[in-house]
Amino acid sequence: MADPWPGWLFYASVHFTPNDPAWPDVSTLNRYVARCQSFLQKGAPDNDILLYYPLYDSWSEPGNVLLKHYDRMDPEFTGTGFKTCADFLQHHGYTFDFISDRQLQGVTAGAGGGIVTGGVTYKTILLPDCRYLSVDALKKLVGLARHGVKVLVYKRLPYDVPGWGHWQERETQFKELLSGNNFAVGEDLDSLLTTANVHREKLIDDSIGFFRRRLGSGEVYFIVNKGQTAFAGYLPLDRVFRSAAIFDPMTGGKGMARRRGDSVYVQLRRGETCIIQTNPAGGASLFPYYLPMGGSMRLTGRWHLEFLSGGPVIPHDTTVGMLGSWTDLGDEAMQNFSGVGKYSIDFDRPATGVQAWLLQLGKVDRTAEVFLNGHKLTTLLGPDYEVVIPSSAMHQRNTLEIKVANTMVNRIEYMDRRHILWKKFYNYNFPAHERANRGADGLFDTSKWAPMDSGLSGPVTLLPLRLLP
C-alpha cells in the first residue's frame, strides 16, 4: 500500500485496485453480482441439449502449438462443426451444456426418452460432425437410442476411434456398433432438433440474451438486452408458468410482472439485465413500469466543477457553461488527471403533477455517483447513465451533484511522457500488441496517446414519467 501510485499491478488482469479512481464504485458492481448469484447459484440447470465436446478431434490436429487453451472456441475449434453447432444453438435460443466422452459413460436413459446426468434430465444429445469417438461412448449412445433417446448427428457420423492402442480391435467394434445405430443425421439443425421435440426461446429474436435455470416449481431467467437500443415489450417464455416476478439486480427493485399469455412485459435499457422468476412463492405488488410523457427538459446554466481526489495534482475548481470532457478545458493538469470530479448545478422543479422523472446524464466517462438535495440516489456504471427520481424527492428548488470518476489512463500517459516508473507488474517487461504503442525500448508505452475523455459530457436532461397502470 505504501508503494507509489499506481502500486503493483498484474499485467493480465482488470486493474480493480484501491488506486483506481472508480474503486469506491466497485461495491456497486459487487452488490449487483451478489444479487444475480443469489438466484443463479440455486436450483439446477434447465437446458435441453447435450452437445458432445470433440476433444479427440482437437488432439488429432497437427500443429506447432505447445499448449492449447480450451476456455474458448477460437482458435482451437475454428471452422469445425462443433463451433457451427454451438454458435447456432446459442444464437437461435436453444439451451445446451457440453458433455465429454468420459462424462457420457455415466448418463442414463430417463422416462419419456430423456437423458439423465448429474440429476438433470436433457431431451437429446448432439454429435457435432466429429471425426473420432471412443467405442465406449458409441456403445452408450447406441444403448440410449434403443431406450428411446433421440441421438442427433450434425452432417455425418464419426468414422474412427481415437488413439493407436489396440486400434484394429477397437475399430472393428466401432464399425459393428455404427452399423446398428438408430441416430438422426442431417445438416438442418432446426429440423434435427424438431425431431427431438426441442423448442427454442424466441425472446432471442428481440436481441435478448438469456440464461435459464430450474428453481422450485418454476424457472429463473437471467435476461440481458444485447441490442443497441432500449427494449420495452412482451418477451415470450418457452416454459409454462402461472405467474412471474421481476427482479432488478442493479437496484434491488422487485415486483410481480405483467403477463400476457406465455409472455412477460419487460423494460430494459441497452446492456441492462433483469431476473424473471416464474411461479414464485407468495405474492407481491406490481413491478413499477414507467412510461415517458414527452417534453424533456435540459439542465442548462453554469455547472461548478470541483476536483475531489486523484493526481498527479488536483486541478483548480472551475465553472463551465457547456458540459464536455474536462480534458478539453485547456488545462494541462486536467489532461493529466486521473481521479474524481464533482459537478453541481441548481435548478427549479420542472413541472407539477408528474409521478417521476428520468434523469439522463448523457455521456459519462466512466462512473457516476448521483446526489439530489444532499441525498445519494444511485451509482451508475453505464453504458446508459439514467436514474428514475420519484416526485417525492424533488423540491421546488433543487441541487444536483454528480461525482464522476475517470480511468487511470491519463495519469499513466503523464508518467510515460516523463519516464516515471509505473510498470511494476508480475510480468514486468511486457511487449506492446500494436506497433503504435511500442516505445524506444520496444515495450508498451502510452506517451503518444491523446488524453482519454473524462467527466460529464452530457447533455443532462429530465424526462417526465408516469406509472403504467
Protein backbone atom coordinates (compact mmCIF):
# COMPACT_ATOMS: atom_id res chain seq x y z
CA MET A 1 0.00 0.00 0.00
CA ALA A 2 2.96 2.36 0.57
CA ASP A 3 4.28 1.84 -2.96
CA PRO A 4 3.96 4.94 -5.19
CA TRP A 5 0.92 5.21 -7.47
CA PRO A 6 -0.34 3.12 -9.25
CA GLY A 7 1.11 0.43 -6.97
CA TRP A 8 1.86 -3.12 -8.04
CA LEU A 9 -0.34 -4.43 -10.85
CA PHE A 10 -0.92 -7.75 -12.59
CA TYR A 11 -0.30 -7.46 -16.32
CA ALA A 12 -3.02 -9.91 -17.42
CA SER A 13 -5.98 -8.68 -15.46
CA VAL A 14 -8.50 -5.89 -15.00
CA HIS A 15 -6.98 -3.31 -12.65
CA PHE A 16 -9.59 -3.07 -9.92
CA THR A 17 -7.25 -1.77 -7.24
CA PRO A 18 -7.67 0.83 -4.49
CA ASN A 19 -5.62 3.19 -6.69
CA ASP A 20 -8.25 3.17 -9.44
CA PRO A 21 -10.35 6.38 -9.35
CA ALA A 22 -13.53 4.28 -9.59
CA TRP A 23 -12.54 1.95 -6.73
CA PRO A 24 -15.31 3.25 -4.41
CA ASP A 25 -17.86 2.30 -7.09
CA VAL A 26 -16.74 -1.34 -7.30
CA SER A 27 -19.03 -2.09 -4.35
CA THR A 28 -21.99 -1.29 -6.62
CA LEU A 29 -20.76 -3.88 -9.10
CA ASN A 30 -20.22 -6.40 -6.29
CA ARG A 31 -23.75 -5.92 -4.98
CA TYR A 32 -25.08 -6.42 -8.50
CA VAL A 33 -23.14 -9.68 -8.84
CA ALA A 34 -24.29 -10.84 -5.39
CA ARG A 35 -27.96 -10.26 -6.27
CA CYS A 36 -27.54 -12.17 -9.53
CA GLN A 37 -25.79 -15.07 -7.82
CA SER A 38 -28.46 -15.26 -5.12
CA PHE A 39 -30.63 -16.70 -7.91
CA LEU A 40 -28.15 -18.32 -10.26
CA GLN A 41 -26.43 -20.44 -7.61
CA LYS A 42 -29.75 -22.02 -6.63
CA GLY A 43 -31.75 -24.69 -8.36
CA ALA A 44 -30.47 -26.79 -11.26
CA PRO A 45 -29.62 -26.37 -14.94
CA ASP A 46 -32.65 -26.23 -17.22
CA ASN A 47 -31.08 -26.95 -20.60
CA ASP A 48 -32.47 -29.24 -23.30
CA ILE A 49 -29.43 -30.38 -25.27
CA LEU A 50 -26.14 -32.12 -24.50
CA LEU A 51 -23.55 -31.05 -27.08
CA TYR A 52 -20.70 -33.54 -27.38
CA TYR A 53 -17.27 -31.94 -26.86
CA PRO A 54 -14.97 -33.36 -29.58
CA LEU A 55 -11.68 -33.26 -27.71
CA TYR A 56 -10.21 -36.16 -29.66
CA ASP A 57 -10.70 -34.24 -32.91
CA SER A 58 -8.73 -31.31 -31.48
CA TRP A 59 -5.93 -33.56 -30.22
CA SER A 60 -5.61 -35.18 -33.64
CA GLU A 61 -4.98 -31.87 -35.42
CA PRO A 62 -1.29 -31.41 -36.39
CA GLY A 63 0.29 -28.11 -35.43
CA ASN A 64 3.10 -26.32 -33.64
CA VAL A 65 1.15 -25.14 -30.59
CA LEU A 66 2.78 -26.33 -27.36
CA LEU A 67 -0.19 -25.54 -25.11
CA LYS A 68 -3.79 -25.49 -26.26
CA HIS A 69 -6.39 -23.45 -24.41
CA TYR A 70 -9.89 -24.88 -24.10
CA ASP A 71 -11.52 -21.87 -22.47
CA ARG A 72 -12.93 -20.59 -25.78
CA MET A 73 -13.99 -21.76 -29.24
CA ASP A 74 -11.32 -19.96 -31.23
CA PRO A 75 -8.77 -20.82 -32.43
CA GLU A 76 -8.98 -24.45 -31.25
CA PHE A 77 -12.32 -25.15 -32.99
CA THR A 78 -12.39 -22.55 -35.76
CA GLY A 79 -14.09 -23.94 -38.86
CA THR A 80 -15.40 -27.06 -37.14
CA GLY A 81 -18.90 -28.48 -36.90
CA PHE A 82 -18.59 -28.13 -33.15
CA LYS A 83 -18.28 -24.36 -33.41
CA THR A 84 -21.06 -24.24 -36.02
CA CYS A 85 -23.41 -26.16 -33.73
CA ALA A 86 -22.55 -24.18 -30.60
CA ASP A 87 -22.95 -20.84 -32.37
CA PHE A 88 -26.22 -21.91 -33.96
CA LEU A 89 -27.71 -23.13 -30.69
CA GLN A 90 -26.70 -20.01 -28.79
CA HIS A 91 -27.80 -17.53 -31.45
CA HIS A 92 -31.16 -19.23 -32.04
CA GLY A 93 -32.30 -19.59 -28.44
CA TYR A 94 -31.59 -23.27 -27.79
CA THR A 95 -30.28 -24.23 -24.36
CA PHE A 96 -27.38 -26.66 -24.06
CA ASP A 97 -24.49 -27.95 -21.99
CA PHE A 98 -21.27 -29.57 -23.16
CA ILE A 99 -20.57 -33.21 -22.32
CA SER A 100 -17.25 -35.02 -22.68
CA ASP A 101 -16.54 -38.55 -23.83
CA ARG A 102 -15.80 -39.59 -20.25
CA GLN A 103 -18.89 -37.91 -18.79
CA LEU A 104 -21.00 -39.67 -21.39
CA GLN A 105 -20.21 -43.00 -19.75
CA GLY A 106 -22.28 -42.03 -16.72
CA VAL A 107 -25.52 -40.94 -18.41
CA THR A 108 -28.69 -43.00 -18.25
CA ALA A 109 -31.95 -43.06 -20.19
CA GLY A 110 -34.76 -41.32 -18.38
CA ALA A 111 -38.52 -41.53 -18.61
CA GLY A 112 -40.06 -40.28 -21.83
CA GLY A 113 -36.87 -40.52 -23.87
CA GLY A 114 -34.77 -38.12 -21.80
CA ILE A 115 -31.10 -38.35 -20.83
CA VAL A 116 -30.20 -38.11 -17.16
CA THR A 117 -26.82 -36.93 -15.92
CA GLY A 118 -25.88 -35.16 -12.72
CA GLY A 119 -29.50 -35.33 -11.57
CA VAL A 120 -30.63 -33.26 -14.59
CA THR A 121 -32.73 -34.52 -17.49
CA TYR A 122 -31.96 -33.42 -21.06
CA LYS A 123 -34.07 -34.08 -24.15
CA THR A 124 -31.34 -35.09 -26.55
CA ILE A 125 -27.63 -35.30 -27.34
CA LEU A 126 -25.99 -33.82 -30.44
CA LEU A 127 -22.81 -35.05 -32.14
CA PRO A 128 -21.32 -32.02 -33.98
CA ASP A 129 -19.80 -33.58 -37.13
CA CYS A 130 -16.93 -35.04 -35.11
CA ARG A 131 -14.50 -37.50 -36.66
CA TYR A 132 -13.46 -39.52 -33.62
CA LEU A 133 -15.48 -41.20 -30.88
CA SER A 134 -14.47 -43.85 -28.37
CA VAL A 135 -16.00 -47.32 -28.53
CA ASP A 136 -17.43 -46.88 -25.03
CA ALA A 137 -19.07 -43.58 -25.99
CA LEU A 138 -20.60 -45.06 -29.13
CA LYS A 139 -21.80 -48.09 -27.18
CA LYS A 140 -23.51 -45.77 -24.69
CA LEU A 141 -25.17 -43.74 -27.47
CA VAL A 142 -26.45 -46.86 -29.23
CA GLY A 143 -27.88 -48.09 -25.94
CA LEU A 144 -29.58 -44.75 -25.29
CA ALA A 145 -31.14 -44.79 -28.76
CA ARG A 146 -32.55 -48.29 -28.11
CA HIS A 147 -34.21 -46.89 -24.98
CA GLY A 148 -36.00 -44.18 -26.93
CA VAL A 149 -33.46 -41.33 -26.71
CA LYS A 150 -33.18 -39.19 -29.86
CA VAL A 151 -29.45 -39.12 -30.68
CA LEU A 152 -28.80 -36.34 -33.19
CA VAL A 153 -25.86 -36.15 -35.59
CA TYR A 154 -24.94 -32.99 -37.45
CA LYS A 155 -23.86 -33.68 -41.07
CA ARG A 156 -22.17 -37.07 -40.66
CA LEU A 157 -21.41 -39.87 -38.24
CA PRO A 158 -17.99 -40.27 -36.59
CA TYR A 159 -15.87 -42.64 -38.64
CA ASP A 160 -12.99 -43.78 -36.42
CA VAL A 161 -11.69 -44.33 -32.90
CA PRO A 162 -9.04 -42.12 -31.27
CA GLY A 163 -5.54 -43.33 -30.39
CA TRP A 164 -3.39 -46.24 -31.52
CA GLY A 165 -3.66 -48.68 -28.57
CA HIS A 166 -5.40 -51.90 -29.73
CA TRP A 167 -6.53 -49.82 -32.67
CA GLN A 168 -7.69 -52.61 -35.01
CA GLU A 169 -9.71 -54.36 -32.31
CA ARG A 170 -11.44 -51.15 -31.30
CA GLU A 171 -12.06 -50.15 -34.91
CA THR A 172 -13.81 -53.46 -35.58
CA GLN A 173 -16.07 -52.96 -32.55
CA PHE A 174 -16.71 -49.37 -33.61
CA LYS A 175 -17.87 -50.33 -37.10
CA GLU A 176 -20.13 -53.09 -35.78
CA LEU A 177 -21.80 -50.66 -33.37
CA LEU A 178 -22.09 -47.99 -36.04
CA SER A 179 -23.87 -50.35 -38.44
CA GLY A 180 -26.67 -50.88 -35.95
CA ASN A 181 -27.23 -47.28 -34.91
CA ASN A 182 -30.62 -45.57 -34.94
CA PHE A 183 -29.40 -41.96 -34.96
CA ALA A 184 -30.99 -38.99 -36.70
CA VAL A 185 -28.49 -37.46 -39.15
CA GLY A 186 -28.91 -34.18 -41.02
CA GLU A 187 -27.49 -30.78 -41.94
CA ASP A 188 -30.52 -28.68 -40.94
CA LEU A 189 -30.15 -28.18 -37.20
CA ASP A 190 -33.65 -26.76 -36.75
CA SER A 191 -35.16 -29.86 -38.36
CA LEU A 192 -32.94 -32.17 -36.34
CA LEU A 193 -33.94 -30.54 -33.08
CA THR A 194 -37.62 -30.68 -34.01
CA THR A 195 -37.37 -34.47 -34.24
CA ALA A 196 -36.27 -34.47 -30.58
CA ASN A 197 -39.11 -32.14 -29.53
CA VAL A 198 -36.66 -29.39 -28.58
CA HIS A 199 -38.02 -25.84 -28.58
CA ARG A 200 -36.12 -22.60 -28.66
CA GLU A 201 -36.58 -19.43 -26.61
CA LYS A 202 -38.00 -16.93 -29.10
CA LEU A 203 -37.06 -13.94 -26.96
CA ILE A 204 -33.64 -14.18 -28.62
CA ASP A 205 -35.24 -12.65 -31.75
CA ASP A 206 -35.50 -9.30 -29.93
CA SER A 207 -31.72 -9.16 -29.28
CA ILE A 208 -32.32 -10.53 -25.79
CA GLY A 209 -29.74 -12.85 -24.29
CA PHE A 210 -30.74 -15.27 -21.53
CA PHE A 211 -29.66 -17.97 -19.14
CA ARG A 212 -32.26 -20.34 -17.65
CA ARG A 213 -32.30 -22.48 -14.50
CA ARG A 214 -34.94 -24.57 -12.76
CA LEU A 215 -35.90 -23.34 -9.29
CA GLY A 216 -38.71 -24.74 -7.16
CA SER A 217 -41.87 -25.14 -9.22
CA GLY A 218 -40.69 -22.74 -11.92
CA GLU A 219 -37.69 -21.31 -13.70
CA VAL A 220 -35.28 -18.43 -13.28
CA TYR A 221 -34.36 -16.45 -16.38
CA PHE A 222 -31.34 -14.15 -16.34
CA ILE A 223 -32.17 -11.65 -19.09
CA VAL A 224 -29.89 -9.12 -20.82
CA ASN A 225 -30.68 -6.61 -23.54
CA LYS A 226 -27.90 -7.18 -26.08
CA GLY A 227 -29.33 -4.70 -28.57
CA GLN A 228 -28.14 -1.16 -29.24
CA THR A 229 -31.44 0.43 -28.20
CA ALA A 230 -33.81 0.20 -25.24
CA PHE A 231 -36.39 -2.60 -25.23
CA ALA A 232 -39.95 -2.37 -23.94
CA GLY A 233 -42.41 -5.14 -24.70
CA TYR A 234 -43.59 -8.66 -24.02
CA LEU A 235 -40.99 -11.43 -24.03
CA PRO A 236 -42.26 -14.97 -24.77
CA LEU A 237 -41.01 -17.70 -22.43
CA ASP A 238 -40.80 -21.30 -23.61
CA ARG A 239 -41.70 -22.79 -20.23
CA VAL A 240 -45.30 -23.00 -18.98
CA PHE A 241 -45.98 -20.78 -15.95
CA ARG A 242 -48.82 -19.32 -13.87
CA SER A 243 -47.20 -16.10 -12.69
CA ALA A 244 -43.85 -14.31 -12.85
CA ALA A 245 -41.84 -11.84 -10.77
CA ILE A 246 -39.17 -9.42 -11.96
CA PHE A 247 -36.03 -8.52 -10.02
CA ASP A 248 -33.64 -5.68 -10.89
CA PRO A 249 -30.21 -6.88 -9.71
CA MET A 250 -28.65 -3.43 -10.10
CA THR A 251 -31.09 -1.56 -7.83
CA GLY A 252 -32.66 -4.35 -5.80
CA GLY A 253 -36.13 -3.43 -7.13
CA LYS A 254 -38.69 -6.22 -7.45
CA GLY A 255 -42.36 -6.92 -8.08
CA MET A 256 -44.84 -9.05 -10.00
CA ALA A 257 -44.59 -8.89 -13.77
CA ARG A 258 -47.31 -8.03 -16.23
CA ARG A 259 -48.24 -11.14 -18.17
CA ARG A 260 -49.97 -11.77 -21.48
CA GLY A 261 -50.35 -15.45 -22.30
CA ASP A 262 -46.89 -17.02 -22.24
CA SER A 263 -45.14 -13.61 -22.32
CA VAL A 264 -43.84 -11.23 -19.66
CA TYR A 265 -43.62 -7.44 -20.03
CA VAL A 266 -40.07 -6.13 -19.64
CA GLN A 267 -38.38 -2.73 -19.91
CA LEU A 268 -34.61 -2.81 -20.41
CA ARG A 269 -32.07 -0.19 -21.41
CA ARG A 270 -29.27 -1.37 -23.71
CA GLY A 271 -26.95 -3.60 -21.73
CA GLU A 272 -29.37 -3.75 -18.80
CA THR A 273 -30.31 -7.01 -17.11
CA CYS A 274 -33.16 -8.37 -15.05
CA ILE A 275 -34.15 -11.66 -13.49
CA ILE A 276 -37.53 -13.26 -14.14
CA GLN A 277 -38.72 -15.97 -11.76
CA THR A 278 -41.76 -17.95 -12.81
CA ASN A 279 -44.23 -19.36 -10.28
CA PRO A 280 -42.62 -17.54 -7.32
CA ALA A 281 -43.72 -18.37 -3.79
CA GLY A 282 -46.02 -15.75 -2.28
CA GLY A 283 -47.29 -12.55 -3.83
CA ALA A 284 -46.04 -9.00 -4.20
CA SER A 285 -47.04 -5.66 -5.64
CA LEU A 286 -46.72 -4.96 -9.34
CA PHE A 287 -43.22 -4.20 -10.60
CA PRO A 288 -43.03 -0.44 -11.34
CA TYR A 289 -43.12 0.22 -15.07
CA TYR A 290 -42.69 3.83 -16.20
CA LEU A 291 -43.72 5.37 -19.49
CA PRO A 292 -42.28 8.64 -20.86
CA MET A 293 -44.68 11.57 -21.14
CA GLY A 294 -42.60 13.64 -23.54
CA GLY A 295 -41.37 17.20 -23.09
CA SER A 296 -37.94 16.56 -21.60
CA MET A 297 -36.10 19.47 -20.01
CA ARG A 298 -32.38 20.02 -20.47
CA LEU A 299 -30.48 21.27 -17.42
CA THR A 300 -28.57 24.32 -18.61
CA GLY A 301 -26.68 27.04 -16.85
CA ARG A 302 -23.36 27.25 -15.04
CA TRP A 303 -22.00 23.95 -13.72
CA HIS A 304 -19.49 24.11 -10.88
CA LEU A 305 -16.68 21.56 -11.29
CA GLU A 306 -14.62 20.67 -8.24
CA PHE A 307 -11.86 18.05 -8.25
CA LEU A 308 -12.02 15.94 -5.09
CA SER A 309 -9.24 13.34 -5.25
CA GLY A 310 -6.64 11.91 -7.60
CA GLY A 311 -3.42 13.05 -9.25
CA PRO A 312 -0.71 13.73 -10.21
CA VAL A 313 -2.03 17.07 -8.91
CA ILE A 314 -5.54 18.23 -8.03
CA PRO A 315 -6.69 20.76 -10.67
CA HIS A 316 -8.28 24.06 -9.63
CA ASP A 317 -12.07 24.36 -9.40
CA THR A 318 -13.79 25.85 -12.41
CA THR A 319 -17.20 26.77 -13.81
CA VAL A 320 -18.42 25.58 -17.20
CA GLY A 321 -21.38 26.74 -19.24
CA MET A 322 -21.29 23.78 -21.62
CA LEU A 323 -20.58 20.23 -20.49
CA GLY A 324 -17.76 18.25 -22.07
CA SER A 325 -14.65 16.27 -21.23
CA TRP A 326 -12.55 18.05 -18.63
CA THR A 327 -9.52 17.21 -20.76
CA ASP A 328 -10.82 19.74 -23.34
CA LEU A 329 -10.83 22.71 -20.94
CA GLY A 330 -7.30 23.75 -21.87
CA ASP A 331 -5.74 22.93 -18.50
CA GLU A 332 -2.73 20.60 -18.57
CA ALA A 333 -3.40 19.49 -15.00
CA MET A 334 -6.87 18.31 -16.07
CA GLN A 335 -5.46 16.48 -19.10
CA ASN A 336 -3.07 14.53 -16.86
CA PHE A 337 -5.60 13.97 -14.09
CA SER A 338 -6.97 10.60 -13.01
CA GLY A 339 -9.43 10.91 -10.18
CA VAL A 340 -12.86 12.19 -9.16
CA GLY A 341 -14.54 15.45 -10.16
CA LYS A 342 -17.84 16.74 -8.80
CA TYR A 343 -20.30 18.63 -10.99
CA SER A 344 -23.10 20.63 -9.32
CA ILE A 345 -25.96 22.82 -10.52
CA ASP A 346 -29.14 24.30 -9.04
CA PHE A 347 -32.47 24.11 -10.86
CA ASP A 348 -36.18 24.64 -10.28
CA ARG A 349 -38.71 21.83 -10.16
CA PRO A 350 -39.56 21.30 -13.84
CA ALA A 351 -43.31 20.55 -13.55
CA THR A 352 -46.11 19.63 -11.19
CA GLY A 353 -48.45 16.66 -11.35
CA VAL A 354 -45.66 14.34 -12.52
CA GLN A 355 -45.21 10.96 -10.84
CA ALA A 356 -41.47 10.68 -11.53
CA TRP A 357 -38.63 11.94 -13.71
CA LEU A 358 -35.97 10.10 -15.62
CA LEU A 359 -32.62 11.81 -15.07
CA GLN A 360 -30.43 11.16 -18.13
CA LEU A 361 -26.77 12.12 -17.80
CA GLY A 362 -25.80 11.57 -21.43
CA LYS A 363 -22.12 10.78 -21.99
CA VAL A 364 -20.16 9.92 -18.83
CA ASP A 365 -16.53 8.80 -18.55
CA ARG A 366 -16.75 6.49 -16.67
CA THR A 367 -18.72 6.07 -13.40
CA ALA A 368 -21.09 8.49 -11.67
CA GLU A 369 -22.49 8.94 -8.17
CA VAL A 370 -25.69 10.98 -8.27
CA PHE A 371 -26.93 13.15 -5.37
CA LEU A 372 -30.10 15.24 -5.23
CA ASN A 373 -30.55 17.77 -2.44
CA GLY A 374 -27.81 16.12 -0.41
CA HIS A 375 -29.21 12.58 -0.68
CA LYS A 376 -27.50 9.91 -2.76
CA LEU A 377 -29.75 8.49 -5.46
CA THR A 378 -27.50 5.87 -7.03
CA THR A 379 -24.15 4.91 -8.54
CA LEU A 380 -24.23 4.48 -12.32
CA LEU A 381 -21.78 2.23 -14.16
CA GLY A 382 -23.16 2.54 -17.71
CA PRO A 383 -23.45 2.02 -20.59
CA ASP A 384 -26.52 4.28 -20.21
CA TYR A 385 -26.43 6.65 -17.26
CA GLU A 386 -30.04 7.08 -16.15
CA VAL A 387 -31.95 7.02 -12.87
CA VAL A 388 -35.64 7.40 -12.01
CA ILE A 389 -36.34 10.20 -9.50
CA PRO A 390 -39.67 9.89 -7.66
CA SER A 391 -41.78 13.02 -7.33
CA SER A 392 -41.35 13.00 -3.54
CA ALA A 393 -37.57 13.56 -3.90
CA MET A 394 -37.96 16.74 -5.94
CA HIS A 395 -38.12 20.13 -4.16
CA GLN A 396 -39.20 23.46 -5.57
CA ARG A 397 -35.51 24.41 -5.72
CA ASN A 398 -33.01 21.57 -6.18
CA THR A 399 -29.28 20.94 -6.11
CA LEU A 400 -27.94 18.18 -8.35
CA GLU A 401 -24.43 16.83 -7.68
CA ILE A 402 -22.68 14.26 -9.86
CA LYS A 403 -19.33 12.77 -8.84
CA VAL A 404 -17.56 11.32 -11.86
CA ALA A 405 -14.50 9.04 -11.69
CA ASN A 406 -12.41 8.55 -14.82
CA THR A 407 -9.78 5.89 -15.54
CA MET A 408 -6.10 5.51 -14.60
CA VAL A 409 -5.01 6.04 -18.21
CA ASN A 410 -4.42 9.81 -18.35
CA ARG A 411 -2.10 9.71 -15.36
CA ILE A 412 -0.28 6.71 -16.88
CA GLU A 413 0.27 8.75 -20.06
CA TYR A 414 1.68 11.59 -17.96
CA MET A 415 4.12 9.20 -16.26
CA ASP A 416 5.26 7.66 -19.56
CA ARG A 417 5.94 11.11 -21.05
CA ARG A 418 8.13 11.91 -18.07
CA HIS A 419 9.77 8.47 -17.90
CA ILE A 420 8.38 7.84 -14.41
CA LEU A 421 8.42 4.16 -13.49
CA TRP A 422 4.94 2.66 -13.18
CA LYS A 423 5.19 -0.77 -14.86
CA LYS A 424 5.61 -2.73 -11.64
CA PHE A 425 3.98 -5.88 -12.91
CA TYR A 426 4.23 -9.55 -12.06
CA ASN A 427 5.48 -9.95 -15.63
CA TYR A 428 7.41 -6.69 -15.82
CA ASN A 429 8.80 -6.26 -19.34
CA PHE A 430 5.66 -6.77 -21.35
CA PRO A 431 5.57 -6.10 -25.12
CA ALA A 432 3.04 -3.97 -26.98
CA HIS A 433 0.43 -5.76 -29.09
CA GLU A 434 0.36 -2.88 -31.59
CA ARG A 435 3.36 -1.18 -33.19
CA ALA A 436 1.90 2.28 -32.43
CA ASN A 437 2.17 1.53 -28.69
CA ARG A 438 5.81 0.44 -28.82
CA GLY A 439 8.32 2.66 -27.03
CA ALA A 440 12.02 3.21 -27.74
CA ASP A 441 12.85 0.13 -25.66
CA GLY A 442 10.41 -1.98 -27.69
CA LEU A 443 7.98 -2.31 -24.79
CA PHE A 444 4.48 -0.99 -24.19
CA ASP A 445 4.32 2.81 -23.98
CA THR A 446 1.45 5.34 -23.79
CA SER A 447 3.41 8.57 -24.14
CA LYS A 448 1.98 9.27 -27.61
CA TRP A 449 -1.64 8.73 -26.59
CA ALA A 450 -4.10 11.61 -26.52
CA PRO A 451 -5.90 12.16 -23.18
CA MET A 452 -8.97 9.97 -22.81
CA ASP A 453 -12.32 11.72 -22.40
CA SER A 454 -13.14 12.23 -18.73
CA GLY A 455 -16.02 13.56 -16.68
CA LEU A 456 -19.58 14.57 -17.53
CA SER A 457 -20.19 15.48 -21.16
CA GLY A 458 -23.99 15.32 -21.07
CA PRO A 459 -26.43 16.50 -22.13
CA VAL A 460 -28.21 16.20 -18.78
CA THR A 461 -31.99 16.04 -19.14
CA LEU A 462 -35.12 15.38 -17.07
CA LEU A 463 -37.87 13.40 -18.75
CA PRO A 464 -41.31 13.29 -17.02
CA LEU A 465 -42.64 9.79 -16.42
CA ARG A 466 -45.94 8.18 -15.48
CA LEU A 467 -46.51 4.79 -13.93
CA LEU A 468 -48.06 2.20 -16.19
CA PRO A 469 -51.43 1.49 -14.50
